[in-house]
N, C-alpha and C. Protein backbone atom coordinates (compact mmCIF):
# COMPACT_ATOMS: atom_id res chain seq x y z
N UNK A 1 -8.98 2.56 -27.19
CA UNK A 1 -8.90 3.15 -25.88
C UNK A 1 -8.06 2.31 -24.94
N UNK A 2 -7.34 1.34 -25.41
CA UNK A 2 -6.49 0.53 -24.55
C UNK A 2 -6.99 -0.89 -24.45
N UNK A 3 -6.13 -1.77 -23.96
CA UNK A 3 -6.45 -3.17 -23.72
C UNK A 3 -7.05 -3.84 -24.95
N UNK A 4 -6.42 -3.64 -26.07
CA UNK A 4 -6.85 -4.32 -27.29
C UNK A 4 -7.87 -3.56 -28.11
N UNK A 5 -8.39 -2.46 -27.61
CA UNK A 5 -9.36 -1.68 -28.36
C UNK A 5 -8.63 -0.66 -29.21
N UNK A 6 -9.26 -0.30 -30.30
CA UNK A 6 -8.67 0.70 -31.20
C UNK A 6 -8.76 2.08 -30.58
N UNK A 7 -7.70 2.87 -30.72
CA UNK A 7 -7.72 4.24 -30.24
C UNK A 7 -8.45 5.16 -31.20
N UNK A 8 -8.67 4.70 -32.44
CA UNK A 8 -9.36 5.52 -33.42
C UNK A 8 -10.76 4.92 -33.59
N UNK A 9 -11.75 5.54 -32.94
CA UNK A 9 -13.11 5.04 -32.94
C UNK A 9 -13.96 5.91 -33.86
N UNK A 10 -14.55 5.32 -34.90
CA UNK A 10 -15.41 6.02 -35.85
C UNK A 10 -14.75 7.29 -36.37
N UNK A 11 -13.46 7.19 -36.69
CA UNK A 11 -12.73 8.31 -37.26
C UNK A 11 -12.30 9.37 -36.27
N UNK A 12 -12.61 9.18 -34.98
CA UNK A 12 -12.21 10.16 -33.97
C UNK A 12 -10.96 9.64 -33.28
N UNK A 13 -9.89 10.40 -33.35
CA UNK A 13 -8.65 10.01 -32.69
C UNK A 13 -8.75 10.36 -31.20
N UNK A 14 -8.57 9.37 -30.33
CA UNK A 14 -8.68 9.59 -28.89
C UNK A 14 -7.33 10.04 -28.35
N UNK A 15 -7.26 11.28 -27.89
CA UNK A 15 -6.02 11.84 -27.36
C UNK A 15 -5.79 11.40 -25.91
N UNK A 16 -6.79 11.57 -25.07
CA UNK A 16 -6.67 11.28 -23.66
C UNK A 16 -7.74 10.26 -23.28
N UNK A 17 -7.54 9.64 -22.15
CA UNK A 17 -8.49 8.69 -21.63
C UNK A 17 -9.25 9.35 -20.49
N UNK A 18 -10.57 9.40 -20.59
CA UNK A 18 -11.35 10.11 -19.57
C UNK A 18 -11.24 9.45 -18.22
N UNK A 19 -11.15 8.12 -18.16
CA UNK A 19 -11.03 7.42 -16.88
C UNK A 19 -9.73 7.85 -16.19
N UNK A 20 -8.66 7.95 -16.97
CA UNK A 20 -7.39 8.39 -16.43
C UNK A 20 -7.51 9.79 -15.85
N UNK A 21 -8.18 10.68 -16.57
CA UNK A 21 -8.33 12.05 -16.09
C UNK A 21 -9.18 12.12 -14.84
N UNK A 22 -10.22 11.31 -14.74
CA UNK A 22 -11.06 11.30 -13.55
C UNK A 22 -10.26 10.82 -12.35
N UNK A 23 -9.49 9.74 -12.51
CA UNK A 23 -8.71 9.21 -11.39
C UNK A 23 -7.63 10.21 -10.98
N UNK A 24 -7.03 10.89 -11.96
CA UNK A 24 -6.06 11.96 -11.62
C UNK A 24 -6.76 13.06 -10.83
N UNK A 25 -7.98 13.43 -11.24
CA UNK A 25 -8.72 14.46 -10.51
C UNK A 25 -9.03 14.02 -9.09
N UNK A 26 -9.41 12.76 -8.91
CA UNK A 26 -9.67 12.24 -7.56
C UNK A 26 -8.41 12.36 -6.72
N UNK A 27 -7.27 12.01 -7.28
CA UNK A 27 -6.00 12.10 -6.55
C UNK A 27 -5.73 13.55 -6.15
N UNK A 28 -5.96 14.50 -7.07
CA UNK A 28 -5.77 15.92 -6.74
C UNK A 28 -6.74 16.37 -5.65
N UNK A 29 -7.99 15.97 -5.76
CA UNK A 29 -9.01 16.36 -4.78
C UNK A 29 -8.68 15.80 -3.41
N UNK A 30 -8.13 14.60 -3.35
CA UNK A 30 -7.73 14.03 -2.07
C UNK A 30 -6.63 14.86 -1.42
N UNK A 31 -5.94 15.70 -2.20
CA UNK A 31 -4.86 16.52 -1.67
C UNK A 31 -5.26 17.94 -1.33
N UNK A 32 -6.50 18.34 -1.61
CA UNK A 32 -6.93 19.70 -1.28
C UNK A 32 -8.05 19.65 -0.26
N UNK A 33 -8.22 20.74 0.45
CA UNK A 33 -9.22 20.72 1.52
C UNK A 33 -10.21 21.87 1.49
N UNK A 34 -9.96 22.98 0.74
CA UNK A 34 -10.80 24.15 0.93
C UNK A 34 -11.35 24.77 -0.35
N UNK A 35 -11.66 23.97 -1.35
CA UNK A 35 -12.26 24.47 -2.57
C UNK A 35 -13.78 24.35 -2.42
N UNK A 36 -14.54 25.34 -2.85
CA UNK A 36 -15.99 25.31 -2.71
C UNK A 36 -16.64 25.27 -4.08
N UNK A 37 -16.93 24.08 -4.59
CA UNK A 37 -17.64 23.91 -5.85
C UNK A 37 -19.07 23.50 -5.58
N UNK A 38 -19.96 23.87 -6.46
CA UNK A 38 -21.35 23.43 -6.40
C UNK A 38 -21.61 22.61 -7.65
N UNK A 39 -22.39 21.55 -7.51
CA UNK A 39 -22.69 20.70 -8.64
C UNK A 39 -24.01 20.01 -8.37
N UNK A 40 -24.81 19.85 -9.40
CA UNK A 40 -26.10 19.20 -9.25
C UNK A 40 -25.98 17.70 -9.05
N UNK A 41 -24.93 17.08 -9.56
CA UNK A 41 -24.73 15.63 -9.43
C UNK A 41 -23.89 15.38 -8.18
N UNK A 42 -24.53 14.88 -7.13
CA UNK A 42 -23.85 14.77 -5.84
C UNK A 42 -22.82 13.65 -5.78
N UNK A 43 -22.77 12.77 -6.79
CA UNK A 43 -21.72 11.75 -6.81
C UNK A 43 -20.78 11.94 -7.99
N UNK A 44 -20.70 13.17 -8.49
CA UNK A 44 -19.77 13.50 -9.56
C UNK A 44 -18.35 13.43 -9.01
N UNK A 45 -17.48 12.70 -9.68
CA UNK A 45 -16.11 12.51 -9.19
C UNK A 45 -15.32 13.80 -9.12
N UNK A 46 -15.75 14.86 -9.83
CA UNK A 46 -15.02 16.12 -9.85
C UNK A 46 -15.44 17.08 -8.72
N UNK A 47 -16.43 16.71 -7.91
CA UNK A 47 -16.88 17.57 -6.82
C UNK A 47 -15.73 17.74 -5.82
N UNK A 48 -15.41 18.99 -5.51
CA UNK A 48 -14.36 19.27 -4.53
C UNK A 48 -14.95 20.21 -3.49
N UNK A 49 -14.47 20.23 -2.27
CA UNK A 49 -13.40 19.40 -1.73
C UNK A 49 -13.93 18.03 -1.32
N UNK A 50 -13.04 17.22 -0.74
CA UNK A 50 -13.49 15.96 -0.17
C UNK A 50 -14.57 16.27 0.85
N UNK A 51 -15.57 15.41 0.90
CA UNK A 51 -16.72 15.66 1.74
C UNK A 51 -17.87 16.24 0.94
N UNK A 52 -17.60 16.56 -0.34
CA UNK A 52 -18.61 17.12 -1.22
C UNK A 52 -19.61 16.10 -1.71
N UNK A 53 -19.25 14.83 -1.69
CA UNK A 53 -20.19 13.78 -2.09
C UNK A 53 -21.15 13.52 -0.95
N UNK A 54 -22.32 13.02 -1.25
CA UNK A 54 -23.28 12.69 -0.22
C UNK A 54 -22.61 11.71 0.73
N UNK A 55 -22.46 12.12 1.97
CA UNK A 55 -21.73 11.32 2.93
C UNK A 55 -22.14 11.72 4.34
N UNK A 56 -22.51 10.75 5.17
CA UNK A 56 -22.86 11.10 6.54
C UNK A 56 -21.63 11.37 7.41
N UNK A 57 -20.45 11.14 6.87
CA UNK A 57 -19.22 11.31 7.64
C UNK A 57 -18.96 12.78 7.91
N UNK A 58 -18.64 13.11 9.13
CA UNK A 58 -18.29 14.47 9.51
C UNK A 58 -16.84 14.45 10.00
N UNK A 59 -16.19 15.58 9.93
CA UNK A 59 -14.83 15.67 10.43
C UNK A 59 -13.82 15.34 9.36
N UNK A 60 -12.79 14.60 9.72
CA UNK A 60 -11.69 14.31 8.81
C UNK A 60 -12.15 13.40 7.67
N UNK A 61 -11.82 13.81 6.46
CA UNK A 61 -12.10 13.01 5.27
C UNK A 61 -10.85 13.08 4.40
N UNK A 62 -10.36 11.92 3.95
CA UNK A 62 -9.14 11.92 3.14
C UNK A 62 -9.22 11.04 1.90
N UNK A 63 -10.39 10.49 1.63
CA UNK A 63 -10.50 9.51 0.54
C UNK A 63 -11.81 9.68 -0.21
N UNK A 64 -11.73 9.64 -1.53
CA UNK A 64 -12.91 9.54 -2.37
C UNK A 64 -12.95 8.10 -2.87
N UNK A 65 -13.86 7.30 -2.35
CA UNK A 65 -14.02 5.90 -2.71
C UNK A 65 -14.68 5.84 -4.09
N UNK A 66 -14.14 4.97 -4.97
CA UNK A 66 -14.72 4.84 -6.30
C UNK A 66 -14.66 3.41 -6.78
N UNK A 67 -15.45 3.14 -7.82
CA UNK A 67 -15.46 1.85 -8.50
C UNK A 67 -15.06 2.09 -9.95
N UNK A 68 -14.42 1.10 -10.57
CA UNK A 68 -14.12 1.12 -11.99
C UNK A 68 -15.04 0.13 -12.68
N UNK A 69 -15.53 0.48 -13.87
CA UNK A 69 -16.45 -0.38 -14.60
C UNK A 69 -15.77 -0.91 -15.85
N UNK A 70 -15.98 -2.20 -16.13
CA UNK A 70 -15.38 -2.86 -17.28
C UNK A 70 -16.22 -2.59 -18.54
N UNK A 71 -15.75 -3.11 -19.67
CA UNK A 71 -16.45 -2.92 -20.95
C UNK A 71 -17.92 -3.33 -20.90
N UNK A 72 -18.24 -4.38 -20.14
CA UNK A 72 -19.63 -4.85 -20.08
C UNK A 72 -20.44 -4.18 -18.98
N UNK A 73 -19.86 -3.17 -18.32
CA UNK A 73 -20.56 -2.41 -17.29
C UNK A 73 -20.48 -2.99 -15.90
N UNK A 74 -19.78 -4.11 -15.74
CA UNK A 74 -19.64 -4.72 -14.42
C UNK A 74 -18.52 -4.05 -13.63
N UNK A 75 -18.67 -3.97 -12.31
CA UNK A 75 -17.59 -3.42 -11.50
C UNK A 75 -16.35 -4.32 -11.56
N UNK A 76 -15.19 -3.69 -11.62
CA UNK A 76 -13.91 -4.39 -11.58
C UNK A 76 -13.66 -4.80 -10.14
N UNK A 77 -13.24 -6.04 -9.91
CA UNK A 77 -12.99 -6.52 -8.55
C UNK A 77 -11.53 -6.89 -8.37
N UNK A 78 -11.07 -6.79 -7.14
CA UNK A 78 -9.71 -7.16 -6.78
C UNK A 78 -9.73 -7.86 -5.42
N UNK A 79 -8.80 -8.77 -5.24
CA UNK A 79 -8.67 -9.50 -3.98
C UNK A 79 -7.89 -8.65 -2.99
N UNK A 80 -8.16 -8.81 -1.71
CA UNK A 80 -7.41 -8.08 -0.69
C UNK A 80 -7.06 -8.98 0.48
N UNK A 81 -6.01 -8.57 1.17
CA UNK A 81 -5.63 -9.16 2.46
C UNK A 81 -5.99 -8.14 3.51
N UNK A 82 -6.50 -8.62 4.61
CA UNK A 82 -6.87 -7.72 5.69
C UNK A 82 -5.64 -7.06 6.28
N UNK A 83 -5.84 -5.87 6.81
CA UNK A 83 -4.77 -5.12 7.44
C UNK A 83 -4.23 -5.88 8.64
N UNK A 84 -2.91 -5.96 8.75
CA UNK A 84 -2.28 -6.62 9.91
C UNK A 84 -2.64 -5.89 11.19
N UNK A 85 -2.74 -4.56 11.14
CA UNK A 85 -3.09 -3.79 12.32
C UNK A 85 -4.47 -4.17 12.83
N UNK A 86 -5.44 -4.37 11.93
CA UNK A 86 -6.78 -4.71 12.34
C UNK A 86 -6.84 -6.09 12.95
N UNK A 87 -6.06 -7.04 12.41
CA UNK A 87 -6.06 -8.38 12.97
C UNK A 87 -5.55 -8.38 14.40
N UNK A 88 -4.75 -7.35 14.74
CA UNK A 88 -4.24 -7.23 16.11
C UNK A 88 -5.23 -6.48 17.00
N UNK A 89 -6.34 -6.02 16.42
CA UNK A 89 -7.37 -5.39 17.23
C UNK A 89 -7.59 -3.92 16.94
N UNK A 90 -6.80 -3.29 16.09
CA UNK A 90 -7.00 -1.88 15.77
C UNK A 90 -7.94 -1.78 14.57
N UNK A 91 -9.10 -1.23 14.78
CA UNK A 91 -10.09 -1.14 13.71
C UNK A 91 -9.98 0.22 13.05
N UNK A 92 -9.71 0.23 11.74
CA UNK A 92 -9.46 1.47 11.01
C UNK A 92 -10.66 2.03 10.29
N UNK A 93 -11.85 1.91 10.82
CA UNK A 93 -13.01 2.52 10.18
C UNK A 93 -13.73 3.39 11.17
N UNK A 94 -14.55 4.30 10.65
CA UNK A 94 -15.10 5.32 11.50
C UNK A 94 -16.17 4.84 12.47
N UNK A 95 -16.80 3.70 12.24
CA UNK A 95 -17.90 3.32 13.12
C UNK A 95 -17.44 2.74 14.44
N UNK A 96 -16.21 2.21 14.50
CA UNK A 96 -15.69 1.66 15.74
C UNK A 96 -16.24 0.28 16.05
N UNK A 97 -17.07 -0.29 15.19
CA UNK A 97 -17.63 -1.62 15.44
C UNK A 97 -16.57 -2.69 15.30
N UNK A 98 -16.78 -3.77 16.03
CA UNK A 98 -15.80 -4.86 16.01
C UNK A 98 -16.11 -5.85 14.91
N UNK A 99 -15.04 -6.47 14.40
CA UNK A 99 -15.15 -7.51 13.38
C UNK A 99 -15.91 -8.69 13.97
N UNK A 100 -16.79 -9.31 13.20
CA UNK A 100 -17.52 -10.45 13.71
C UNK A 100 -16.57 -11.61 13.95
N UNK A 101 -16.79 -12.32 15.05
CA UNK A 101 -15.93 -13.43 15.43
C UNK A 101 -16.09 -14.56 14.42
N UNK A 102 -14.98 -15.17 14.07
CA UNK A 102 -15.01 -16.29 13.15
C UNK A 102 -15.05 -15.88 11.69
N UNK A 103 -14.98 -14.60 11.41
CA UNK A 103 -14.99 -14.13 10.03
C UNK A 103 -13.72 -14.57 9.33
N UNK A 104 -13.86 -15.22 8.18
CA UNK A 104 -12.68 -15.68 7.46
C UNK A 104 -12.48 -14.86 6.21
N UNK A 105 -11.46 -15.23 5.46
CA UNK A 105 -11.11 -14.44 4.28
C UNK A 105 -11.29 -15.27 3.02
N UNK A 106 -12.29 -16.14 2.99
CA UNK A 106 -12.51 -16.96 1.80
C UNK A 106 -12.91 -16.12 0.60
N UNK A 107 -13.64 -15.06 0.82
CA UNK A 107 -14.12 -14.21 -0.27
C UNK A 107 -13.70 -12.77 -0.05
N UNK A 108 -12.42 -12.54 0.09
CA UNK A 108 -11.92 -11.18 0.32
C UNK A 108 -11.74 -10.47 -1.02
N UNK A 109 -12.86 -10.06 -1.61
CA UNK A 109 -12.85 -9.31 -2.85
C UNK A 109 -13.59 -8.01 -2.63
N UNK A 110 -13.17 -7.01 -3.36
CA UNK A 110 -13.82 -5.71 -3.27
C UNK A 110 -13.86 -5.06 -4.65
N UNK A 111 -14.79 -4.16 -4.81
CA UNK A 111 -14.89 -3.35 -6.03
C UNK A 111 -14.64 -1.89 -5.69
N UNK A 112 -14.20 -1.62 -4.46
CA UNK A 112 -14.02 -0.27 -3.97
C UNK A 112 -12.55 0.05 -3.80
N UNK A 113 -12.16 1.26 -4.26
CA UNK A 113 -10.74 1.61 -4.30
C UNK A 113 -10.49 3.03 -3.82
N UNK A 114 -9.23 3.24 -3.41
CA UNK A 114 -8.68 4.56 -3.08
C UNK A 114 -7.46 4.74 -3.97
N UNK A 115 -7.36 5.85 -4.70
CA UNK A 115 -6.19 6.05 -5.56
C UNK A 115 -5.00 6.42 -4.70
N UNK A 116 -3.89 5.75 -4.94
CA UNK A 116 -2.64 6.03 -4.24
C UNK A 116 -1.71 6.85 -5.12
N UNK A 117 -1.67 6.52 -6.42
CA UNK A 117 -0.74 7.18 -7.33
C UNK A 117 -1.21 6.99 -8.76
N UNK A 118 -1.01 8.00 -9.61
CA UNK A 118 -1.24 7.91 -11.05
C UNK A 118 0.08 8.24 -11.71
N UNK A 119 0.52 7.38 -12.64
CA UNK A 119 1.85 7.56 -13.21
C UNK A 119 1.89 7.08 -14.66
N UNK A 120 3.02 7.38 -15.32
CA UNK A 120 3.27 7.00 -16.71
C UNK A 120 2.09 7.33 -17.61
N UNK A 121 1.76 6.42 -18.50
CA UNK A 121 0.71 6.66 -19.46
C UNK A 121 -0.60 6.05 -18.97
N UNK A 122 -1.20 6.69 -17.96
CA UNK A 122 -2.52 6.27 -17.46
C UNK A 122 -2.49 4.98 -16.64
N UNK A 123 -1.43 4.76 -15.89
CA UNK A 123 -1.40 3.64 -14.94
C UNK A 123 -1.68 4.21 -13.55
N UNK A 124 -2.23 3.39 -12.68
CA UNK A 124 -2.52 3.85 -11.33
C UNK A 124 -2.31 2.72 -10.34
N UNK A 125 -1.87 3.09 -9.15
CA UNK A 125 -1.82 2.17 -8.03
C UNK A 125 -3.02 2.50 -7.16
N UNK A 126 -3.85 1.47 -6.92
CA UNK A 126 -5.08 1.63 -6.16
C UNK A 126 -5.02 0.78 -4.91
N UNK A 127 -5.43 1.34 -3.79
CA UNK A 127 -5.58 0.56 -2.56
C UNK A 127 -6.97 -0.06 -2.59
N UNK A 128 -7.02 -1.37 -2.37
CA UNK A 128 -8.30 -2.08 -2.32
C UNK A 128 -8.90 -1.82 -0.95
N UNK A 129 -10.16 -1.39 -0.91
CA UNK A 129 -10.84 -1.10 0.34
C UNK A 129 -11.80 -2.22 0.70
N UNK A 130 -11.80 -2.60 1.96
CA UNK A 130 -12.70 -3.65 2.44
C UNK A 130 -14.10 -3.08 2.61
N UNK A 131 -15.11 -3.70 1.97
CA UNK A 131 -16.48 -3.22 2.11
C UNK A 131 -17.08 -3.65 3.44
N UNK A 132 -17.73 -2.70 4.14
CA UNK A 132 -18.32 -2.95 5.45
C UNK A 132 -19.78 -2.53 5.45
N UNK A 133 -20.57 -3.17 6.31
CA UNK A 133 -21.96 -2.75 6.47
C UNK A 133 -22.04 -1.63 7.52
N UNK A 134 -23.24 -1.23 7.87
CA UNK A 134 -23.44 -0.15 8.85
C UNK A 134 -22.85 -0.48 10.22
N UNK A 135 -22.77 -1.76 10.55
CA UNK A 135 -22.24 -2.19 11.85
C UNK A 135 -20.75 -2.47 11.83
N UNK A 136 -20.08 -2.21 10.70
CA UNK A 136 -18.64 -2.42 10.61
C UNK A 136 -18.23 -3.85 10.29
N UNK A 137 -19.18 -4.69 9.87
CA UNK A 137 -18.86 -6.07 9.49
C UNK A 137 -18.58 -6.13 7.99
N UNK A 138 -17.62 -6.98 7.61
CA UNK A 138 -17.27 -7.14 6.21
C UNK A 138 -18.46 -7.65 5.43
N UNK A 139 -18.68 -7.09 4.25
CA UNK A 139 -19.75 -7.51 3.35
C UNK A 139 -19.12 -8.40 2.29
N UNK A 140 -19.57 -9.65 2.22
CA UNK A 140 -19.12 -10.57 1.18
C UNK A 140 -19.89 -10.23 -0.09
N UNK A 141 -19.21 -9.64 -1.06
CA UNK A 141 -19.89 -9.16 -2.26
C UNK A 141 -19.98 -10.22 -3.36
N UNK A 142 -19.43 -11.41 -3.11
CA UNK A 142 -19.48 -12.47 -4.13
C UNK A 142 -20.53 -13.51 -3.79
N UNK A 143 -21.16 -14.03 -4.82
CA UNK A 143 -22.10 -15.14 -4.68
C UNK A 143 -21.81 -16.08 -5.84
N UNK A 144 -21.39 -17.28 -5.53
CA UNK A 144 -21.03 -18.27 -6.55
C UNK A 144 -19.96 -17.73 -7.50
N UNK A 145 -19.01 -16.97 -6.94
CA UNK A 145 -17.88 -16.46 -7.72
C UNK A 145 -18.17 -15.22 -8.54
N UNK A 146 -19.38 -14.72 -8.48
CA UNK A 146 -19.75 -13.51 -9.23
C UNK A 146 -20.20 -12.42 -8.26
N UNK A 147 -20.10 -11.18 -8.72
CA UNK A 147 -20.51 -10.06 -7.88
C UNK A 147 -22.01 -10.12 -7.64
N UNK A 148 -22.39 -10.04 -6.37
CA UNK A 148 -23.79 -10.04 -5.96
C UNK A 148 -24.21 -8.57 -5.80
N UNK A 149 -24.93 -8.06 -6.79
CA UNK A 149 -25.29 -6.65 -6.80
C UNK A 149 -26.18 -6.27 -5.62
N UNK A 150 -27.00 -7.20 -5.13
CA UNK A 150 -27.82 -6.92 -3.95
C UNK A 150 -26.95 -6.67 -2.73
N UNK A 151 -25.85 -7.41 -2.60
CA UNK A 151 -24.94 -7.24 -1.46
C UNK A 151 -24.19 -5.91 -1.56
N UNK A 152 -23.94 -5.42 -2.77
CA UNK A 152 -23.27 -4.13 -2.91
C UNK A 152 -24.11 -3.03 -2.25
N UNK A 153 -25.42 -3.20 -2.25
CA UNK A 153 -26.30 -2.21 -1.63
C UNK A 153 -26.15 -2.19 -0.10
N UNK A 154 -25.60 -3.25 0.48
CA UNK A 154 -25.40 -3.32 1.93
C UNK A 154 -24.13 -2.59 2.38
N UNK A 155 -23.28 -2.20 1.44
CA UNK A 155 -22.01 -1.56 1.79
C UNK A 155 -22.27 -0.10 2.17
N UNK A 156 -21.85 0.26 3.38
CA UNK A 156 -22.02 1.62 3.88
C UNK A 156 -20.70 2.26 4.30
N UNK A 157 -19.72 1.43 4.68
CA UNK A 157 -18.44 1.93 5.17
C UNK A 157 -17.30 1.17 4.49
N UNK A 158 -16.09 1.64 4.74
CA UNK A 158 -14.91 1.06 4.10
C UNK A 158 -13.76 1.07 5.09
N UNK A 159 -12.85 0.10 4.91
CA UNK A 159 -11.68 0.00 5.76
C UNK A 159 -10.46 -0.24 4.89
N UNK A 160 -9.32 0.30 5.33
CA UNK A 160 -8.08 0.09 4.59
C UNK A 160 -7.71 -1.39 4.60
N UNK A 161 -6.96 -1.79 3.60
CA UNK A 161 -6.39 -3.13 3.56
C UNK A 161 -4.90 -2.99 3.27
N UNK A 162 -4.19 -4.09 3.34
CA UNK A 162 -2.77 -4.10 3.00
C UNK A 162 -2.56 -4.39 1.52
N UNK A 163 -3.61 -4.36 0.72
CA UNK A 163 -3.52 -4.77 -0.68
C UNK A 163 -3.68 -3.59 -1.63
N UNK A 164 -2.79 -3.55 -2.60
CA UNK A 164 -2.88 -2.56 -3.68
C UNK A 164 -2.83 -3.32 -5.00
N UNK A 165 -3.34 -2.67 -6.02
CA UNK A 165 -3.30 -3.24 -7.37
C UNK A 165 -2.91 -2.11 -8.32
N UNK A 166 -2.07 -2.45 -9.30
CA UNK A 166 -1.69 -1.48 -10.32
C UNK A 166 -2.48 -1.81 -11.57
N UNK A 167 -3.15 -0.80 -12.12
CA UNK A 167 -4.03 -1.01 -13.27
C UNK A 167 -3.69 -0.04 -14.39
N UNK A 168 -4.03 -0.43 -15.61
CA UNK A 168 -3.99 0.45 -16.76
C UNK A 168 -5.38 1.06 -16.88
N UNK A 169 -5.50 2.34 -16.60
CA UNK A 169 -6.80 2.98 -16.58
C UNK A 169 -7.47 3.03 -17.95
N UNK A 170 -6.70 2.79 -19.02
CA UNK A 170 -7.28 2.77 -20.36
C UNK A 170 -8.15 1.53 -20.57
N UNK A 171 -8.07 0.57 -19.67
CA UNK A 171 -8.81 -0.68 -19.82
C UNK A 171 -10.24 -0.60 -19.27
N UNK A 172 -10.65 0.55 -18.77
CA UNK A 172 -11.97 0.67 -18.16
C UNK A 172 -12.84 1.63 -18.94
N UNK A 173 -14.15 1.40 -18.86
CA UNK A 173 -15.11 2.23 -19.60
C UNK A 173 -15.85 3.21 -18.71
N UNK A 174 -15.77 3.02 -17.40
CA UNK A 174 -16.49 3.92 -16.51
C UNK A 174 -15.84 3.98 -15.15
N UNK A 175 -16.10 5.08 -14.47
CA UNK A 175 -15.68 5.25 -13.08
C UNK A 175 -16.86 5.85 -12.34
N UNK A 176 -17.16 5.31 -11.16
CA UNK A 176 -18.26 5.82 -10.37
C UNK A 176 -17.76 6.13 -8.97
N UNK A 177 -17.88 7.39 -8.58
CA UNK A 177 -17.50 7.77 -7.23
C UNK A 177 -18.64 7.39 -6.30
N UNK A 178 -18.27 6.90 -5.12
CA UNK A 178 -19.24 6.31 -4.22
C UNK A 178 -19.47 7.16 -2.98
N UNK A 179 -18.36 7.55 -2.32
CA UNK A 179 -18.51 8.21 -1.02
C UNK A 179 -17.17 8.83 -0.62
N UNK A 180 -17.24 9.91 0.12
CA UNK A 180 -16.04 10.50 0.72
C UNK A 180 -15.97 10.03 2.17
N UNK A 181 -14.81 9.49 2.56
CA UNK A 181 -14.66 8.91 3.89
C UNK A 181 -13.27 9.19 4.43
N UNK A 182 -13.07 8.86 5.70
CA UNK A 182 -11.73 8.86 6.28
C UNK A 182 -11.23 7.42 6.28
N UNK A 183 -10.07 7.20 5.67
CA UNK A 183 -9.40 5.90 5.69
C UNK A 183 -8.12 6.07 6.49
N UNK A 184 -7.92 5.24 7.49
CA UNK A 184 -6.72 5.30 8.33
C UNK A 184 -5.55 4.74 7.54
N UNK A 185 -4.77 5.63 6.95
CA UNK A 185 -3.65 5.23 6.10
C UNK A 185 -2.33 5.19 6.86
N UNK A 186 -2.32 5.69 8.09
CA UNK A 186 -1.07 5.75 8.86
C UNK A 186 -0.67 4.36 9.34
N UNK A 187 0.59 4.07 9.19
CA UNK A 187 1.13 2.79 9.65
C UNK A 187 1.76 2.99 11.02
N UNK A 188 1.50 2.08 11.95
CA UNK A 188 2.08 2.18 13.30
C UNK A 188 3.55 1.93 13.30
């Protein structure tokens, strides 16, 4: 299935990668606004339109936030740089809360992504999203260099960053959709 794994598992030839198809579907769903699907699984990545996932957000929604899971079931993490616009005082998240004073970027890692593009043979460019709590403060998801799963539970909101990562979607074993939100993607 990619990244050193055999494509022929127990005699079954793998034609497509399901993670790739899910991320492609998320990209398509981010581009449509008026499809009415019903589904029993409220965090199913295929639920359309945006806003179909359990989400307290009302109004404009343009992003389906998701996590990628590695072979061992852990969330994939990526480093991010904070948005230059936000450092100048423009806060790009829906709660309007201000960044806590003295907040540094020693642990600017996230497991939350927005798909920007899917191309070639299952590659994708993902925007790394900054995890925020209910008050709009950054949530440090690392503890001693490892993901702190208890802190992941504190994440309620997300903010755009200036960081993207290109990944081979064949290298992941799972994708979990988290929430539909509005991410301020416009550049001043």
